[in-house]
C-alpha cells in the first residue's frame, strides 16, 4: 500500500494549467504556420516611395559633373593638391589590386564530369 502512495506522489495529476499551456503552444504554432499573404498583397499594392537611390522610379545618384560645380560654388571642393593626392592614392590601390591578382590568380574549379 505504501508503494502505491509513493507512485501517486511522484506523478502529479494533469492540471488545467498544463492543458492551457499546451493549447497556447498549439495556437502559437498554428499562427506561425499561417501565410501572411494579406500583408504581402498590401506591400505589392503600395510599393515604397523610396528604395535606396531610387525615388518614384527615378534614380537620384549624383553625378560628378553636377556635384563639382556645386562644391566649388559653396567653397567645399577639395583643392587641386588634394584632388591630385586622392587620384594618386586611388591609382596606387588599383595597381596593387592588379598586382595581387596577377600574383595570386583566382582558381577556377574544373567542370563537373560530362560537362566538357
N, C-alpha and C. Protein backbone atom coordinates (compact mmCIF):
# COMPACT_ATOMS: atom_id res chain seq x y z
N UNK A 1 0.81 -1.19 0.00
CA UNK A 1 0.00 0.00 0.00
C UNK A 1 0.86 1.26 0.00
N UNK A 2 1.93 1.19 0.70
CA UNK A 2 2.82 2.33 0.73
C UNK A 2 3.43 2.61 -0.66
N UNK A 3 3.74 1.59 -1.42
CA UNK A 3 4.31 1.78 -2.75
C UNK A 3 3.33 2.51 -3.65
N UNK A 4 2.06 2.20 -3.52
CA UNK A 4 1.06 2.88 -4.32
C UNK A 4 1.01 4.36 -3.97
N UNK A 5 1.11 4.67 -2.73
CA UNK A 5 1.09 6.06 -2.28
C UNK A 5 2.27 6.84 -2.84
N UNK A 6 3.47 6.22 -2.88
CA UNK A 6 4.66 6.89 -3.40
C UNK A 6 4.53 7.13 -4.90
N UNK A 7 4.00 6.17 -5.63
CA UNK A 7 3.92 6.35 -7.08
C UNK A 7 2.96 7.48 -7.44
N UNK A 8 1.88 7.65 -6.67
CA UNK A 8 0.97 8.74 -6.95
C UNK A 8 1.58 10.08 -6.56
N UNK A 9 2.50 10.09 -5.59
CA UNK A 9 3.14 11.34 -5.18
C UNK A 9 4.18 11.77 -6.22
N UNK A 10 4.79 10.81 -6.91
CA UNK A 10 5.81 11.14 -7.88
C UNK A 10 5.19 11.75 -9.13
N UNK A 11 4.05 11.24 -9.56
CA UNK A 11 3.41 11.71 -10.78
C UNK A 11 2.18 12.53 -10.42
N UNK A 12 2.26 13.86 -10.58
CA UNK A 12 1.09 14.67 -10.23
C UNK A 12 0.01 14.53 -11.30
N UNK A 13 -1.22 14.67 -10.92
CA UNK A 13 -2.30 14.56 -11.91
C UNK A 13 -2.25 15.74 -12.87
N UNK A 14 -2.82 15.54 -14.07
CA UNK A 14 -2.86 16.60 -15.06
C UNK A 14 -3.70 17.76 -14.54
N UNK A 15 -3.19 18.97 -14.71
CA UNK A 15 -3.90 20.14 -14.20
C UNK A 15 -4.41 20.96 -15.37
N UNK A 16 -5.43 21.77 -15.13
CA UNK A 16 -5.91 22.64 -16.20
C UNK A 16 -4.82 23.60 -16.69
N UNK A 17 -3.92 23.96 -15.80
CA UNK A 17 -2.85 24.87 -16.17
C UNK A 17 -1.97 24.26 -17.26
N UNK A 18 -1.64 22.98 -17.12
CA UNK A 18 -0.82 22.31 -18.13
C UNK A 18 -1.59 22.23 -19.45
N UNK A 19 -2.88 21.98 -19.40
CA UNK A 19 -3.68 21.91 -20.62
C UNK A 19 -3.74 23.27 -21.31
N UNK A 20 -3.82 24.34 -20.54
CA UNK A 20 -3.86 25.67 -21.12
C UNK A 20 -2.54 25.97 -21.81
N UNK A 21 -1.43 25.59 -21.20
CA UNK A 21 -0.15 25.88 -21.82
C UNK A 21 0.02 25.09 -23.12
N UNK A 22 -0.47 23.88 -23.17
CA UNK A 22 -0.40 23.10 -24.40
C UNK A 22 -1.28 23.73 -25.47
N UNK A 23 -2.45 24.22 -25.08
CA UNK A 23 -3.32 24.91 -26.04
C UNK A 23 -2.64 26.17 -26.56
N UNK A 24 -1.98 26.88 -25.67
CA UNK A 24 -1.28 28.10 -26.07
C UNK A 24 -0.15 27.81 -27.04
N UNK A 25 0.60 26.75 -26.77
CA UNK A 25 1.70 26.37 -27.66
C UNK A 25 1.13 25.97 -29.02
N UNK A 26 0.05 25.19 -29.02
CA UNK A 26 -0.57 24.78 -30.27
C UNK A 26 -1.05 25.99 -31.05
N UNK A 27 -1.69 26.94 -30.37
CA UNK A 27 -2.18 28.14 -31.04
C UNK A 27 -1.03 28.96 -31.61
N UNK A 28 0.05 29.09 -30.87
CA UNK A 28 1.21 29.84 -31.36
C UNK A 28 1.81 29.18 -32.60
N UNK A 29 1.92 27.86 -32.58
CA UNK A 29 2.44 27.15 -33.75
C UNK A 29 1.52 27.31 -34.95
N UNK A 30 0.23 27.29 -34.71
CA UNK A 30 -0.73 27.45 -35.79
C UNK A 30 -0.62 28.85 -36.41
N UNK A 31 -0.49 29.87 -35.57
CA UNK A 31 -0.37 31.23 -36.07
C UNK A 31 0.93 31.44 -36.85
N UNK A 32 2.01 30.79 -36.41
CA UNK A 32 3.28 30.93 -37.13
C UNK A 32 3.22 30.22 -38.48
N UNK A 33 2.39 29.19 -38.59
CA UNK A 33 2.30 28.43 -39.84
C UNK A 33 1.43 29.12 -40.88
N UNK A 34 0.59 30.06 -40.46
CA UNK A 34 -0.28 30.73 -41.42
C UNK A 34 0.52 31.62 -42.36
N UNK A 35 0.20 31.61 -43.63
CA UNK A 35 0.91 32.51 -44.54
C UNK A 35 0.43 33.95 -44.32
N UNK A 36 1.32 34.86 -44.49
CA UNK A 36 0.98 36.27 -44.29
C UNK A 36 0.74 36.93 -45.64
N UNK A 37 -0.05 36.30 -46.47
CA UNK A 37 -0.31 36.84 -47.81
C UNK A 37 -1.04 38.18 -47.79
N UNK A 38 -1.96 38.46 -46.87
CA UNK A 38 -2.58 39.78 -46.88
C UNK A 38 -1.56 40.91 -46.67
N UNK A 39 -0.56 40.67 -45.85
CA UNK A 39 0.46 41.69 -45.64
C UNK A 39 1.29 41.89 -46.89
N UNK A 40 1.64 40.78 -47.57
CA UNK A 40 2.41 40.90 -48.80
C UNK A 40 1.60 41.58 -49.90
N UNK A 41 0.32 41.28 -49.99
CA UNK A 41 -0.52 41.89 -51.01
C UNK A 41 -0.59 43.40 -50.82
N UNK A 42 -0.65 43.83 -49.57
CA UNK A 42 -0.71 45.27 -49.30
C UNK A 42 0.59 45.93 -49.76
N UNK A 43 1.74 45.28 -49.55
CA UNK A 43 3.01 45.86 -49.97
C UNK A 43 3.09 45.93 -51.49
N UNK A 44 2.55 44.94 -52.19
CA UNK A 44 2.59 44.97 -53.65
C UNK A 44 1.68 46.07 -54.21
N UNK A 45 0.59 46.34 -53.53
CA UNK A 45 -0.32 47.39 -53.98
C UNK A 45 0.26 48.78 -53.71
N UNK A 46 0.99 48.92 -52.62
CA UNK A 46 1.57 50.21 -52.23
C UNK A 46 3.08 50.07 -52.10
N UNK A 47 3.83 50.11 -53.20
CA UNK A 47 5.27 49.96 -53.10
C UNK A 47 5.87 51.15 -52.35
N UNK A 48 7.04 50.96 -51.76
CA UNK A 48 7.66 52.08 -51.04
C UNK A 48 7.99 53.21 -52.00
N UNK A 49 7.91 54.43 -51.52
CA UNK A 49 8.19 55.59 -52.36
C UNK A 49 9.69 55.75 -52.60
N UNK A 50 10.50 55.20 -51.69
CA UNK A 50 11.94 55.38 -51.82
C UNK A 50 12.61 54.03 -51.63
N UNK A 51 13.52 53.68 -52.54
CA UNK A 51 14.28 52.45 -52.43
C UNK A 51 15.73 52.78 -52.76
N UNK A 52 16.54 52.99 -51.73
CA UNK A 52 17.93 53.34 -51.95
C UNK A 52 18.04 54.69 -52.63
N UNK A 53 18.73 54.72 -53.77
CA UNK A 53 18.91 55.97 -54.52
C UNK A 53 17.83 56.17 -55.57
N UNK A 54 16.77 55.37 -55.51
CA UNK A 54 15.70 55.49 -56.49
C UNK A 54 14.44 55.95 -55.76
N UNK A 55 13.93 57.11 -56.16
CA UNK A 55 12.71 57.66 -55.59
C UNK A 55 11.70 57.80 -56.71
N UNK A 56 10.50 57.26 -56.50
CA UNK A 56 9.44 57.34 -57.51
C UNK A 56 9.95 56.89 -58.89
N UNK A 57 10.71 55.82 -58.89
CA UNK A 57 11.26 55.21 -60.11
C UNK A 57 12.26 56.09 -60.84
N UNK A 58 12.82 57.10 -60.18
CA UNK A 58 13.81 57.98 -60.79
C UNK A 58 15.11 57.85 -60.00
N UNK A 59 16.23 57.48 -60.65
CA UNK A 59 17.49 57.38 -59.92
C UNK A 59 17.99 58.76 -59.50
N UNK A 60 18.48 58.84 -58.27
CA UNK A 60 18.95 60.12 -57.74
C UNK A 60 20.40 60.03 -57.29
N UNK A 61 21.20 59.25 -58.00
CA UNK A 61 22.62 59.19 -57.67
C UNK A 61 23.28 60.42 -58.26
N UNK A 62 23.93 61.24 -57.45
CA UNK A 62 24.55 62.45 -58.00
C UNK A 62 25.69 62.09 -58.95
N UNK A 63 25.84 62.90 -59.97
CA UNK A 63 26.91 62.70 -60.96
C UNK A 63 28.01 63.72 -60.68
N UNK A 64 29.24 63.34 -61.03
CA UNK A 64 30.39 64.21 -60.77
C UNK A 64 30.22 65.57 -61.44
N UNK A 65 29.69 65.59 -62.65
CA UNK A 65 29.54 66.87 -63.36
C UNK A 65 28.48 67.77 -62.71
N UNK A 66 27.60 67.20 -61.89
CA UNK A 66 26.62 68.01 -61.17
C UNK A 66 27.17 68.46 -59.82
N UNK A 67 27.96 67.60 -59.19
CA UNK A 67 28.43 67.86 -57.83
C UNK A 67 29.59 68.85 -57.81
N UNK A 68 30.54 68.68 -58.71
CA UNK A 68 31.75 69.52 -58.69
C UNK A 68 31.45 71.01 -58.75
N UNK A 69 30.61 71.51 -59.67
CA UNK A 69 30.33 72.95 -59.68
C UNK A 69 29.65 73.43 -58.40
N UNK A 70 28.76 72.60 -57.85
CA UNK A 70 28.10 72.99 -56.59
C UNK A 70 29.10 73.07 -55.45
N UNK A 71 30.05 72.11 -55.39
CA UNK A 71 31.07 72.15 -54.34
C UNK A 71 31.94 73.39 -54.47
N UNK A 72 32.31 73.71 -55.71
CA UNK A 72 33.14 74.90 -55.91
C UNK A 72 32.39 76.17 -55.51
N UNK A 73 31.11 76.23 -55.86
CA UNK A 73 30.30 77.42 -55.53
C UNK A 73 30.16 77.58 -54.02
N UNK A 74 30.06 76.45 -53.30
CA UNK A 74 29.91 76.51 -51.85
C UNK A 74 31.24 76.64 -51.13
N UNK A 75 32.35 76.46 -51.85
CA UNK A 75 33.66 76.57 -51.22
C UNK A 75 34.09 75.32 -50.48
N UNK A 76 33.48 74.17 -50.77
CA UNK A 76 33.84 72.94 -50.08
C UNK A 76 34.57 71.96 -51.00
N UNK A 77 34.84 72.36 -52.21
CA UNK A 77 35.55 71.48 -53.15
C UNK A 77 36.98 71.30 -52.68
N UNK A 78 37.55 70.09 -52.89
CA UNK A 78 38.95 69.89 -52.50
C UNK A 78 39.87 70.71 -53.38
N UNK A 79 41.02 71.08 -52.83
CA UNK A 79 41.99 71.86 -53.60
C UNK A 79 42.60 70.97 -54.68
N UNK A 80 43.33 71.60 -55.60
CA UNK A 80 43.95 70.86 -56.69
C UNK A 80 44.94 69.83 -56.13
N UNK A 81 45.71 70.23 -55.10
CA UNK A 81 46.67 69.30 -54.49
C UNK A 81 45.95 68.12 -53.83
N UNK A 82 44.83 68.39 -53.15
CA UNK A 82 44.09 67.31 -52.51
C UNK A 82 43.52 66.35 -53.55
N UNK A 83 43.00 66.87 -54.64
CA UNK A 83 42.47 66.01 -55.70
C UNK A 83 43.57 65.17 -56.32
N UNK A 84 44.73 65.79 -56.54
CA UNK A 84 45.86 65.06 -57.13
C UNK A 84 46.31 63.94 -56.19
N UNK A 85 46.41 64.24 -54.90
CA UNK A 85 46.82 63.22 -53.92
C UNK A 85 45.80 62.08 -53.86
N UNK A 86 44.53 62.42 -53.91
CA UNK A 86 43.49 61.40 -53.88
C UNK A 86 43.55 60.52 -55.12
N UNK A 87 43.74 61.14 -56.30
CA UNK A 87 43.83 60.37 -57.53
C UNK A 87 45.06 59.46 -57.53
N UNK A 88 46.19 59.94 -57.01
CA UNK A 88 47.39 59.10 -56.90
C UNK A 88 47.14 57.92 -55.98
N UNK A 89 46.48 58.17 -54.86
CA UNK A 89 46.19 57.09 -53.91
C UNK A 89 45.29 56.04 -54.55
N UNK A 90 44.27 56.49 -55.28
CA UNK A 90 43.39 55.54 -55.95
C UNK A 90 44.12 54.77 -57.04
N UNK A 91 45.01 55.42 -57.77
CA UNK A 91 45.81 54.73 -58.78
C UNK A 91 46.69 53.67 -58.14
N UNK A 92 47.32 54.00 -57.01
CA UNK A 92 48.17 53.03 -56.30
C UNK A 92 47.35 51.83 -55.83
N UNK A 93 46.17 52.09 -55.30
CA UNK A 93 45.31 50.99 -54.85
C UNK A 93 44.93 50.10 -56.04
N UNK A 94 44.59 50.72 -57.17
CA UNK A 94 44.25 49.95 -58.37
C UNK A 94 45.41 49.09 -58.85
N UNK A 95 46.62 49.69 -58.89
CA UNK A 95 47.81 48.92 -59.30
C UNK A 95 48.07 47.76 -58.35
N UNK A 96 47.94 48.03 -57.04
CA UNK A 96 48.19 46.99 -56.05
C UNK A 96 47.19 45.84 -56.22
N UNK A 97 45.93 46.16 -56.49
CA UNK A 97 44.93 45.11 -56.69
C UNK A 97 45.26 44.28 -57.93
N UNK A 98 45.69 44.93 -59.01
CA UNK A 98 46.06 44.20 -60.22
C UNK A 98 47.28 43.32 -59.99
N UNK A 99 48.27 43.83 -59.25
CA UNK A 99 49.46 43.03 -58.94
C UNK A 99 49.09 41.84 -58.07
N UNK A 100 48.23 42.04 -57.08
CA UNK A 100 47.81 40.94 -56.22
C UNK A 100 47.09 39.87 -57.03
N UNK A 101 46.26 40.30 -57.97
CA UNK A 101 45.52 39.33 -58.77
C UNK A 101 46.44 38.57 -59.71
N UNK A 102 47.46 39.25 -60.27
CA UNK A 102 48.38 38.54 -61.16
C UNK A 102 49.28 37.60 -60.37
N UNK A 103 49.65 37.97 -59.14
CA UNK A 103 50.48 37.10 -58.31
C UNK A 103 49.69 35.91 -57.77
N UNK A 104 48.41 36.11 -57.49
CA UNK A 104 47.55 35.06 -56.96
C UNK A 104 46.27 35.00 -57.78
N UNK A 105 46.35 34.43 -58.98
CA UNK A 105 45.14 34.40 -59.81
C UNK A 105 44.04 33.56 -59.16
N UNK A 106 42.81 33.91 -59.41
CA UNK A 106 41.71 33.14 -58.82
C UNK A 106 41.71 31.73 -59.40
N UNK A 107 41.41 30.76 -58.55
CA UNK A 107 41.35 29.38 -59.00
C UNK A 107 39.94 29.06 -59.46
N UNK A 108 39.86 28.50 -60.64
CA UNK A 108 38.56 28.10 -61.18
C UNK A 108 38.49 26.58 -61.10
N UNK A 109 37.49 26.04 -60.43
CA UNK A 109 37.42 24.59 -60.30
C UNK A 109 37.15 23.96 -61.67
N UNK A 110 37.59 22.72 -61.86
CA UNK A 110 37.33 22.05 -63.14
C UNK A 110 35.83 21.82 -63.30
N UNK A 111 35.38 21.73 -64.56
CA UNK A 111 33.95 21.50 -64.78
C UNK A 111 33.56 20.10 -64.30
N UNK A 112 32.31 19.92 -63.92
CA UNK A 112 31.87 18.60 -63.47
C UNK A 112 31.99 17.58 -64.61
N UNK A 113 32.10 16.31 -64.27
CA UNK A 113 32.23 15.28 -65.29
C UNK A 113 31.05 15.33 -66.26
N UNK A 114 31.36 15.18 -67.55
CA UNK A 114 30.32 15.17 -68.57
C UNK A 114 29.99 16.57 -69.08
N UNK A 115 30.60 17.61 -68.55
CA UNK A 115 30.30 18.98 -68.98
C UNK A 115 31.43 19.55 -69.84
N UNK A 116 32.27 18.70 -70.40
CA UNK A 116 33.41 19.15 -71.21
C UNK A 116 32.99 19.81 -72.46
